[in-house]
C-alpha atoms as a PDB file:
ATOM      1  CA  MET A   1      -9.863  -6.046 -43.023  1.00  0.00           C
ATOM      2  CA  ARG A   2      -7.698  -9.072 -42.240  1.00  0.00           C
ATOM      3  CA  LEU A   3      -4.631  -6.850 -41.866  1.00  0.00           C
ATOM      4  CA  ARG A   4      -6.509  -4.565 -39.454  1.00  0.00           C
ATOM      5  CA  LEU A   5      -7.615  -7.527 -37.304  1.00  0.00           C
ATOM      6  CA  SER A   6      -4.049  -8.853 -37.248  1.00  0.00           C
ATOM      7  CA  ALA A   7      -2.759  -5.458 -36.136  1.00  0.00           C
ATOM      8  CA  ILE A   8      -5.375  -5.267 -33.371  1.00  0.00           C
ATOM      9  CA  ALA A   9      -4.556  -8.802 -32.196  1.00  0.00           C
ATOM     10  CA  LEU A  10      -0.809  -8.058 -32.176  1.00  0.00           C
ATOM     11  CA  SER A  11      -1.394  -4.844 -30.200  1.00  0.00           C
ATOM     12  CA  ALA A  12      -3.470  -6.733 -27.632  1.00  0.00           C
ATOM     13  CA  VAL A  13      -0.765  -9.386 -27.214  1.00  0.00           C
ATOM     14  CA  LEU A  14       1.912  -6.718 -26.764  1.00  0.00           C
ATOM     15  CA  LEU A  15      -0.166  -4.847 -24.192  1.00  0.00           C
ATOM     16  CA  VAL A  16      -0.820  -7.998 -22.183  1.00  0.00           C
ATOM     17  CA  GLY A  17       2.826  -8.998 -22.415  1.00  0.00           C
ATOM     18  CA  CYS A  18       3.957  -5.586 -21.149  1.00  0.00           C
ATOM     19  CA  GLY A  19       1.602  -5.598 -18.148  1.00  0.00           C
ATOM     20  CA  THR A  20       2.944  -4.689 -14.759  1.00  0.00           C
ATOM     21  CA  GLN A  21       4.042  -7.752 -12.824  1.00  0.00           C
ATOM     22  CA  LEU A  22       4.275  -6.937  -9.123  1.00  0.00           C
ATOM     23  CA  LYS A  23       6.808  -8.959  -7.204  1.00  0.00           C
ATOM     24  CA  VAL A  24       7.146  -9.006  -3.443  1.00  0.00           C
ATOM     25  CA  ALA A  25      10.765  -8.120  -2.735  1.00  0.00           C
ATOM     26  CA  PRO A  26      12.919  -9.348   0.137  1.00  0.00           C
ATOM     27  CA  VAL A  27      13.814  -6.936   2.914  1.00  0.00           C
ATOM     28  CA  ASP A  28      17.416  -6.478   4.004  1.00  0.00           C
ATOM     29  CA  PRO A  29      17.468  -7.484   7.697  1.00  0.00           C
ATOM     30  CA  GLN A  30      20.258  -4.959   8.395  1.00  0.00           C
ATOM     31  CA  THR A  31      18.505  -1.898   6.963  1.00  0.00           C
ATOM     32  CA  GLY A  32      14.842  -2.923   6.960  1.00  0.00           C
ATOM     33  CA  LEU A  33      14.620  -1.740   3.349  1.00  0.00           C
ATOM     34  CA  ILE A  34      13.581  -3.573   0.215  1.00  0.00           C
ATOM     35  CA  LYS A  35      16.433  -4.992  -1.805  1.00  0.00           C
ATOM     36  CA  SER A  36      15.947  -5.079  -5.537  1.00  0.00           C
ATOM     37  CA  GLN A  37      17.658  -7.566  -7.793  1.00  0.00           C
ATOM     38  CA  LYS A  38      17.560  -4.945 -10.572  1.00  0.00           C
ATOM     39  CA  GLY A  39      19.711  -2.342  -8.831  1.00  0.00           C
ATOM     40  CA  THR A  40      19.203   0.649  -6.603  1.00  0.00           C
ATOM     41  CA  VAL A  41      15.684   1.496  -5.555  1.00  0.00           C
ATOM     42  CA  THR A  42      14.862   5.161  -6.108  1.00  0.00           C
ATOM     43  CA  GLU A  43      13.614   7.371  -3.279  1.00  0.00           C
ATOM     44  CA  ALA A  44       9.999   8.329  -2.729  1.00  0.00           C
ATOM     45  CA  THR A  45       9.108  11.842  -1.679  1.00  0.00           C
ATOM     46  CA  VAL A  46       7.850  12.019   1.904  1.00  0.00           C
ATOM     47  CA  VAL A  47       4.904  14.418   1.999  1.00  0.00           C
ATOM     48  CA  THR A  48       3.829  13.882   5.624  1.00  0.00           C
ATOM     49  CA  SER A  49       5.726  12.272   8.473  1.00  0.00           C
ATOM     50  CA  ARG A  50       4.276  12.707  11.947  1.00  0.00           C
ATOM     51  CA  LYS A  51       5.444  11.220  15.211  1.00  0.00           C
ATOM     52  CA  PHE A  52       3.120   8.343  16.042  1.00  0.00           C
ATOM     53  CA  PRO A  53       3.022   5.777  18.883  1.00  0.00           C
ATOM     54  CA  LEU A  54       3.429   2.836  16.520  1.00  0.00           C
ATOM     55  CA  ALA A  55       4.167   0.287  19.261  1.00  0.00           C
ATOM     56  CA  GLN A  56       0.524   0.603  20.381  1.00  0.00           C
ATOM     57  CA  HIS A  57      -0.578  -0.343  16.855  1.00  0.00           C
ATOM     58  CA  LYS A  58       1.942  -3.119  16.185  1.00  0.00           C
ATOM     59  CA  GLY A  59      -0.697  -5.807  16.665  1.00  0.00           C
ATOM     60  CA  MET A  60      -2.374  -5.216  13.318  1.00  0.00           C
ATOM     61  CA  VAL A  61      -2.212  -3.222  10.095  1.00  0.00           C
ATOM     62  CA  PHE A  62      -5.057  -3.029   7.586  1.00  0.00           C
ATOM     63  CA  VAL A  63      -3.758  -2.674   3.999  1.00  0.00           C
ATOM     64  CA  SER A  64      -6.079  -1.541   1.209  1.00  0.00           C
ATOM     65  CA  GLY A  65      -5.915  -0.302  -2.351  1.00  0.00           C
ATOM     66  CA  GLY A  66      -2.966  -2.413  -3.453  1.00  0.00           C
ATOM     67  CA  GLY A  67      -4.401  -5.915  -3.752  1.00  0.00           C
ATOM     68  CA  THR A  68      -2.639  -9.013  -2.499  1.00  0.00           C
ATOM     69  CA  TYR A  69       0.739  -7.582  -3.515  1.00  0.00           C
ATOM     70  CA  ALA A  70       0.458  -4.744  -0.967  1.00  0.00           C
ATOM     71  CA  VAL A  71      -0.597  -7.125   1.807  1.00  0.00           C
ATOM     72  CA  ASP A  72       2.241  -9.533   1.012  1.00  0.00           C
ATOM     73  CA  GLN A  73       4.856  -6.762   0.745  1.00  0.00           C
ATOM     74  CA  MET A  74       3.704  -5.346   4.091  1.00  0.00           C
ATOM     75  CA  ARG A  75       4.130  -8.818   5.608  1.00  0.00           C
ATOM     76  CA  ALA A  76       7.652  -8.927   4.156  1.00  0.00           C
ATOM     77  CA  LEU A  77       8.524  -5.746   6.076  1.00  0.00           C
ATOM     78  CA  GLY A  78       8.076  -7.894   9.183  1.00  0.00           C
ATOM     79  CA  TYR A  79       6.999  -5.244  11.695  1.00  0.00           C
ATOM     80  CA  PHE A  80       3.304  -5.872  12.308  1.00  0.00           C
ATOM     81  CA  ASP A  81       2.032  -8.990  14.077  1.00  0.00           C
ATOM     82  CA  GLN A  82      -0.951  -9.283  11.738  1.00  0.00           C
ATOM     83  CA  VAL A  83      -1.370  -7.848   8.228  1.00  0.00           C
ATOM     84  CA  VAL A  84      -4.962  -7.921   6.979  1.00  0.00           C
ATOM     85  CA  SER A  85      -6.844  -7.152   3.783  1.00  0.00           C
ATOM     86  CA  TYR A  86     -10.374  -5.788   3.403  1.00  0.00           C
ATOM     87  CA  ASP A  87     -11.764  -9.351   3.286  1.00  0.00           C
ATOM     88  CA  ASP A  88      -9.853 -10.229   6.458  1.00  0.00           C
ATOM     89  CA  LEU A  89     -11.276  -7.140   8.168  1.00  0.00           C
ATOM     90  CA  GLN A  90     -14.821  -8.244   7.346  1.00  0.00           C
ATOM     91  CA  LYS A  91     -14.086 -11.676   8.839  1.00  0.00           C
ATOM     92  CA  ILE A  92     -12.775 -10.002  12.000  1.00  0.00           C
ATOM     93  CA  VAL A  93     -16.047  -8.081  12.337  1.00  0.00           C
ATOM     94  CA  ILE A  94     -18.073 -11.275  11.979  1.00  0.00           C
ATOM     95  CA  ALA A  95     -15.834 -13.465  14.172  1.00  0.00           C
ATOM     96  CA  ASN A  96     -15.992 -10.914  16.976  1.00  0.00           C
ATOM     97  CA  ARG A  97     -19.728 -10.259  16.547  1.00  0.00           C
ATOM     98  CA  LEU A  98     -19.203  -6.566  15.869  1.00  0.00           C
ATOM     99  CA  GLN A  99     -21.787  -6.198  13.079  1.00  0.00           C
ATOM    100  CA  ASP A 100     -24.038  -3.931  15.186  1.00  0.00           C
ATOM    101  CA  GLN A 101     -21.140  -1.668  16.147  1.00  0.00           C
ATOM    102  CA  VAL A 102     -19.507  -1.745  12.688  1.00  0.00           C
ATOM    103  CA  PRO A 103     -22.285  -2.029  10.093  1.00  0.00           C
ATOM    104  CA  SER A 104     -20.025  -1.113   7.143  1.00  0.00           C
ATOM    105  CA  LEU A 105     -16.323  -0.960   6.295  1.00  0.00           C
ATOM    106  CA  ASN A 106     -16.907   0.776   2.959  1.00  0.00           C
ATOM    107  CA  GLU A 107     -16.144   4.224   4.365  1.00  0.00           C
ATOM    108  CA  PRO A 108     -13.468   5.571   6.708  1.00  0.00           C
ATOM    109  CA  ILE A 109     -16.015   6.007   9.512  1.00  0.00           C
ATOM    110  CA  GLY A 110     -16.516   2.227   9.499  1.00  0.00           C
ATOM    111  CA  VAL A 111     -12.771   1.673   9.912  1.00  0.00           C
ATOM    112  CA  ASN A 112     -12.875   4.152  12.808  1.00  0.00           C
ATOM    113  CA  LYS A 113     -15.743   2.248  14.434  1.00  0.00           C
ATOM    114  CA  LEU A 114     -13.844  -1.037  14.118  1.00  0.00           C
ATOM    115  CA  TYR A 115     -10.749   0.549  15.667  1.00  0.00           C
ATOM    116  CA  ARG A 116     -12.808   1.637  18.685  1.00  0.00           C
ATOM    117  CA  ALA A 117     -14.733  -1.632  19.009  1.00  0.00           C
ATOM    118  CA  TYR A 118     -11.920  -4.116  18.337  1.00  0.00           C
ATOM    119  CA  LYS A 119      -8.330  -3.029  19.018  1.00  0.00           C
ATOM    120  CA  PRO A 120      -5.763  -0.452  17.899  1.00  0.00           C
ATOM    121  CA  PHE A 121      -4.381  -0.903  14.395  1.00  0.00           C
ATOM    122  CA  LEU A 122      -2.881   1.148  11.594  1.00  0.00           C
ATOM    123  CA  TRP A 123      -4.537   1.641   8.209  1.00  0.00           C
ATOM    124  CA  VAL A 124      -2.207   1.802   5.178  1.00  0.00           C
ATOM    125  CA  HIS A 125      -3.473   2.288   1.652  1.00  0.00           C
ATOM    126  CA  PHE A 126      -2.444   3.262  -1.853  1.00  0.00           C
ATOM    127  CA  LYS A 127      -3.984   6.345  -3.393  1.00  0.00           C
ATOM    128  CA  ARG A 128      -3.600   7.984  -6.807  1.00  0.00           C
ATOM    129  CA  VAL A 129      -3.581  11.777  -6.951  1.00  0.00           C
ATOM    130  CA  GLN A 130      -3.311  14.307  -9.776  1.00  0.00           C
ATOM    131  CA  ARG A 131      -1.307  17.491  -9.272  1.00  0.00           C
ATOM    132  CA  GLU A 132      -0.370  19.993 -11.968  1.00  0.00           C
ATOM    133  CA  ASN A 133      -1.644  17.511 -14.540  1.00  0.00           C
ATOM    134  CA  LYS A 134       0.805  14.835 -13.338  1.00  0.00           C
ATOM    135  CA  PRO A 135      -0.206  11.499 -11.794  1.00  0.00           C
ATOM    136  CA  TYR A 136       1.275  10.395  -8.456  1.00  0.00           C
ATOM    137  CA  LEU A 137       0.970   7.191  -6.484  1.00  0.00           C
ATOM    138  CA  GLN A 138       0.884   7.655  -2.726  1.00  0.00           C
ATOM    139  CA  LEU A 139       1.269   5.259   0.171  1.00  0.00           C
ATOM    140  CA  VAL A 140      -0.707   6.676   3.088  1.00  0.00           C
ATOM    141  CA  ALA A 141      -0.756   5.574   6.737  1.00  0.00           C
ATOM    142  CA  ILE A 142      -3.838   6.657   8.673  1.00  0.00           C
ATOM    143  CA  ASN A 143      -4.562   6.631  12.381  1.00  0.00           C
ATOM    144  CA  PRO A 144      -8.035   5.000  12.405  1.00  0.00           C
ATOM    145  CA  ASP A 145      -8.835   6.612  15.756  1.00  0.00           C
ATOM    146  CA  THR A 146      -8.761  10.153  14.335  1.00  0.00           C
ATOM    147  CA  LEU A 147      -8.615   9.425  10.575  1.00  0.00           C
ATOM    148  CA  ASP A 148      -5.536  11.678  10.407  1.00  0.00           C
ATOM    149  CA  GLU A 149      -2.855  10.917   7.844  1.00  0.00           C
ATOM    150  CA  VAL A 150       0.274  10.258   9.906  1.00  0.00           C
ATOM    151  CA  PHE A 151       2.497   9.320   6.968  1.00  0.00           C
ATOM    152  CA  VAL A 152       2.340   9.963   3.227  1.00  0.00           C
ATOM    153  CA  SER A 153       4.986   9.158   0.618  1.00  0.00           C
ATOM    154  CA  GLU A 154       4.605   9.563  -3.116  1.00  0.00           C
ATOM    155  CA  VAL A 155       6.230   8.876  -6.462  1.00  0.00           C
ATOM    156  CA  HIS A 156       5.535  10.432  -9.841  1.00  0.00           C
ATOM    157  CA  MET A 157       4.012   7.874 -12.179  1.00  0.00           C
ATOM    158  CA  ASP A 158       6.012   8.302 -15.382  1.00  0.00           C
ATOM    159  CA  PHE A 159       4.110   6.084 -17.786  1.00  0.00           C
ATOM    160  CA  VAL A 160       6.110   7.238 -20.811  1.00  0.00           C
ATOM    161  CA  TRP A 161       9.839   7.330 -20.012  1.00  0.00           C
ATOM    162  CA  ALA A 162      10.581   5.327 -16.881  1.00  0.00           C
ATOM    163  CA  GLY A 163       7.481   3.170 -16.818  1.00  0.00           C
ATOM    164  CA  VAL A 164       5.494   2.298 -13.735  1.00  0.00           C
ATOM    165  CA  ASN A 165       6.468  -0.911 -11.980  1.00  0.00           C
ATOM    166  CA  ASP A 166       7.373  -2.227  -8.560  1.00  0.00           C
ATOM    167  CA  GLN A 167      11.007  -1.128  -8.964  1.00  0.00           C
ATOM    168  CA  ASN A 168      10.380   2.581  -9.447  1.00  0.00           C
ATOM    169  CA  ALA A 169       6.974   3.027  -7.822  1.00  0.00           C
ATOM    170  CA  ARG A 170       6.038   0.589  -5.084  1.00  0.00           C
ATOM    171  CA  TYR A 171       9.469  -0.333  -3.662  1.00  0.00           C
ATOM    172  CA  PRO A 172      10.348   3.337  -3.001  1.00  0.00           C
ATOM    173  CA  LEU A 173       6.985   3.863  -1.299  1.00  0.00           C
ATOM    174  CA  PHE A 174       7.441   0.841   0.968  1.00  0.00           C
ATOM    175  CA  ASN A 175      11.032   1.860   1.759  1.00  0.00           C
ATOM    176  CA  ALA A 176       9.855   5.308   2.847  1.00  0.00           C
ATOM    177  CA  LEU A 177       7.192   3.659   5.024  1.00  0.00           C
ATOM    178  CA  SER A 178       9.794   1.302   6.496  1.00  0.00           C
ATOM    179  CA  ARG A 179      11.992   4.263   7.481  1.00  0.00           C
ATOM    180  CA  TRP A 180       8.986   5.918   9.147  1.00  0.00           C
ATOM    181  CA  ILE A 181       8.221   2.695  11.031  1.00  0.00           C
ATOM    182  CA  GLN A 182      11.837   2.546  12.257  1.00  0.00           C
ATOM    183  CA  GLN A 183      11.575   6.143  13.512  1.00  0.00           C
ATOM    184  CA  ASN A 184       8.309   5.507  15.382  1.00  0.00           C
ATOM    185  CA  ARG A 185       8.805   2.100  16.980  1.00  0.00           C
END
């Protein structure tokens, strides 16, 4: 029994020690892409890339699904004037007395209502998808006015061989988004 408990405790320590640590990476001012201290950043697959009048939406981007890391990494890209989280969006609704016009932000229709009542912004979020029994992580940019996906990049989440971390999952996604931003300024 004691040996079994020791094995369980050791396994728990190893799992916690091997947890994914997300680190906001600096952006190369020349290229606008994330520089990694661990080497070359792999490429994400661009699934959707539509022309979009991004200059009209430069004032604000709402980032969801990636926690504080995603918000901070978006700030590091340096394009948008204001980068906000879900909590920030709720504060905007309250500060601008938009509760009657935007009763909920829990669904895309609420984000659309805020877009129409407040000001133009872009919505960027992480999404996990399953295709052919393989997991993918996507970074999706949505036009809140129409709820159309204007940009989607994805990486295969290889939990076994390559591992899933900022280096081979999130950095490539943000680099693909940065290239799209450069094309649509």
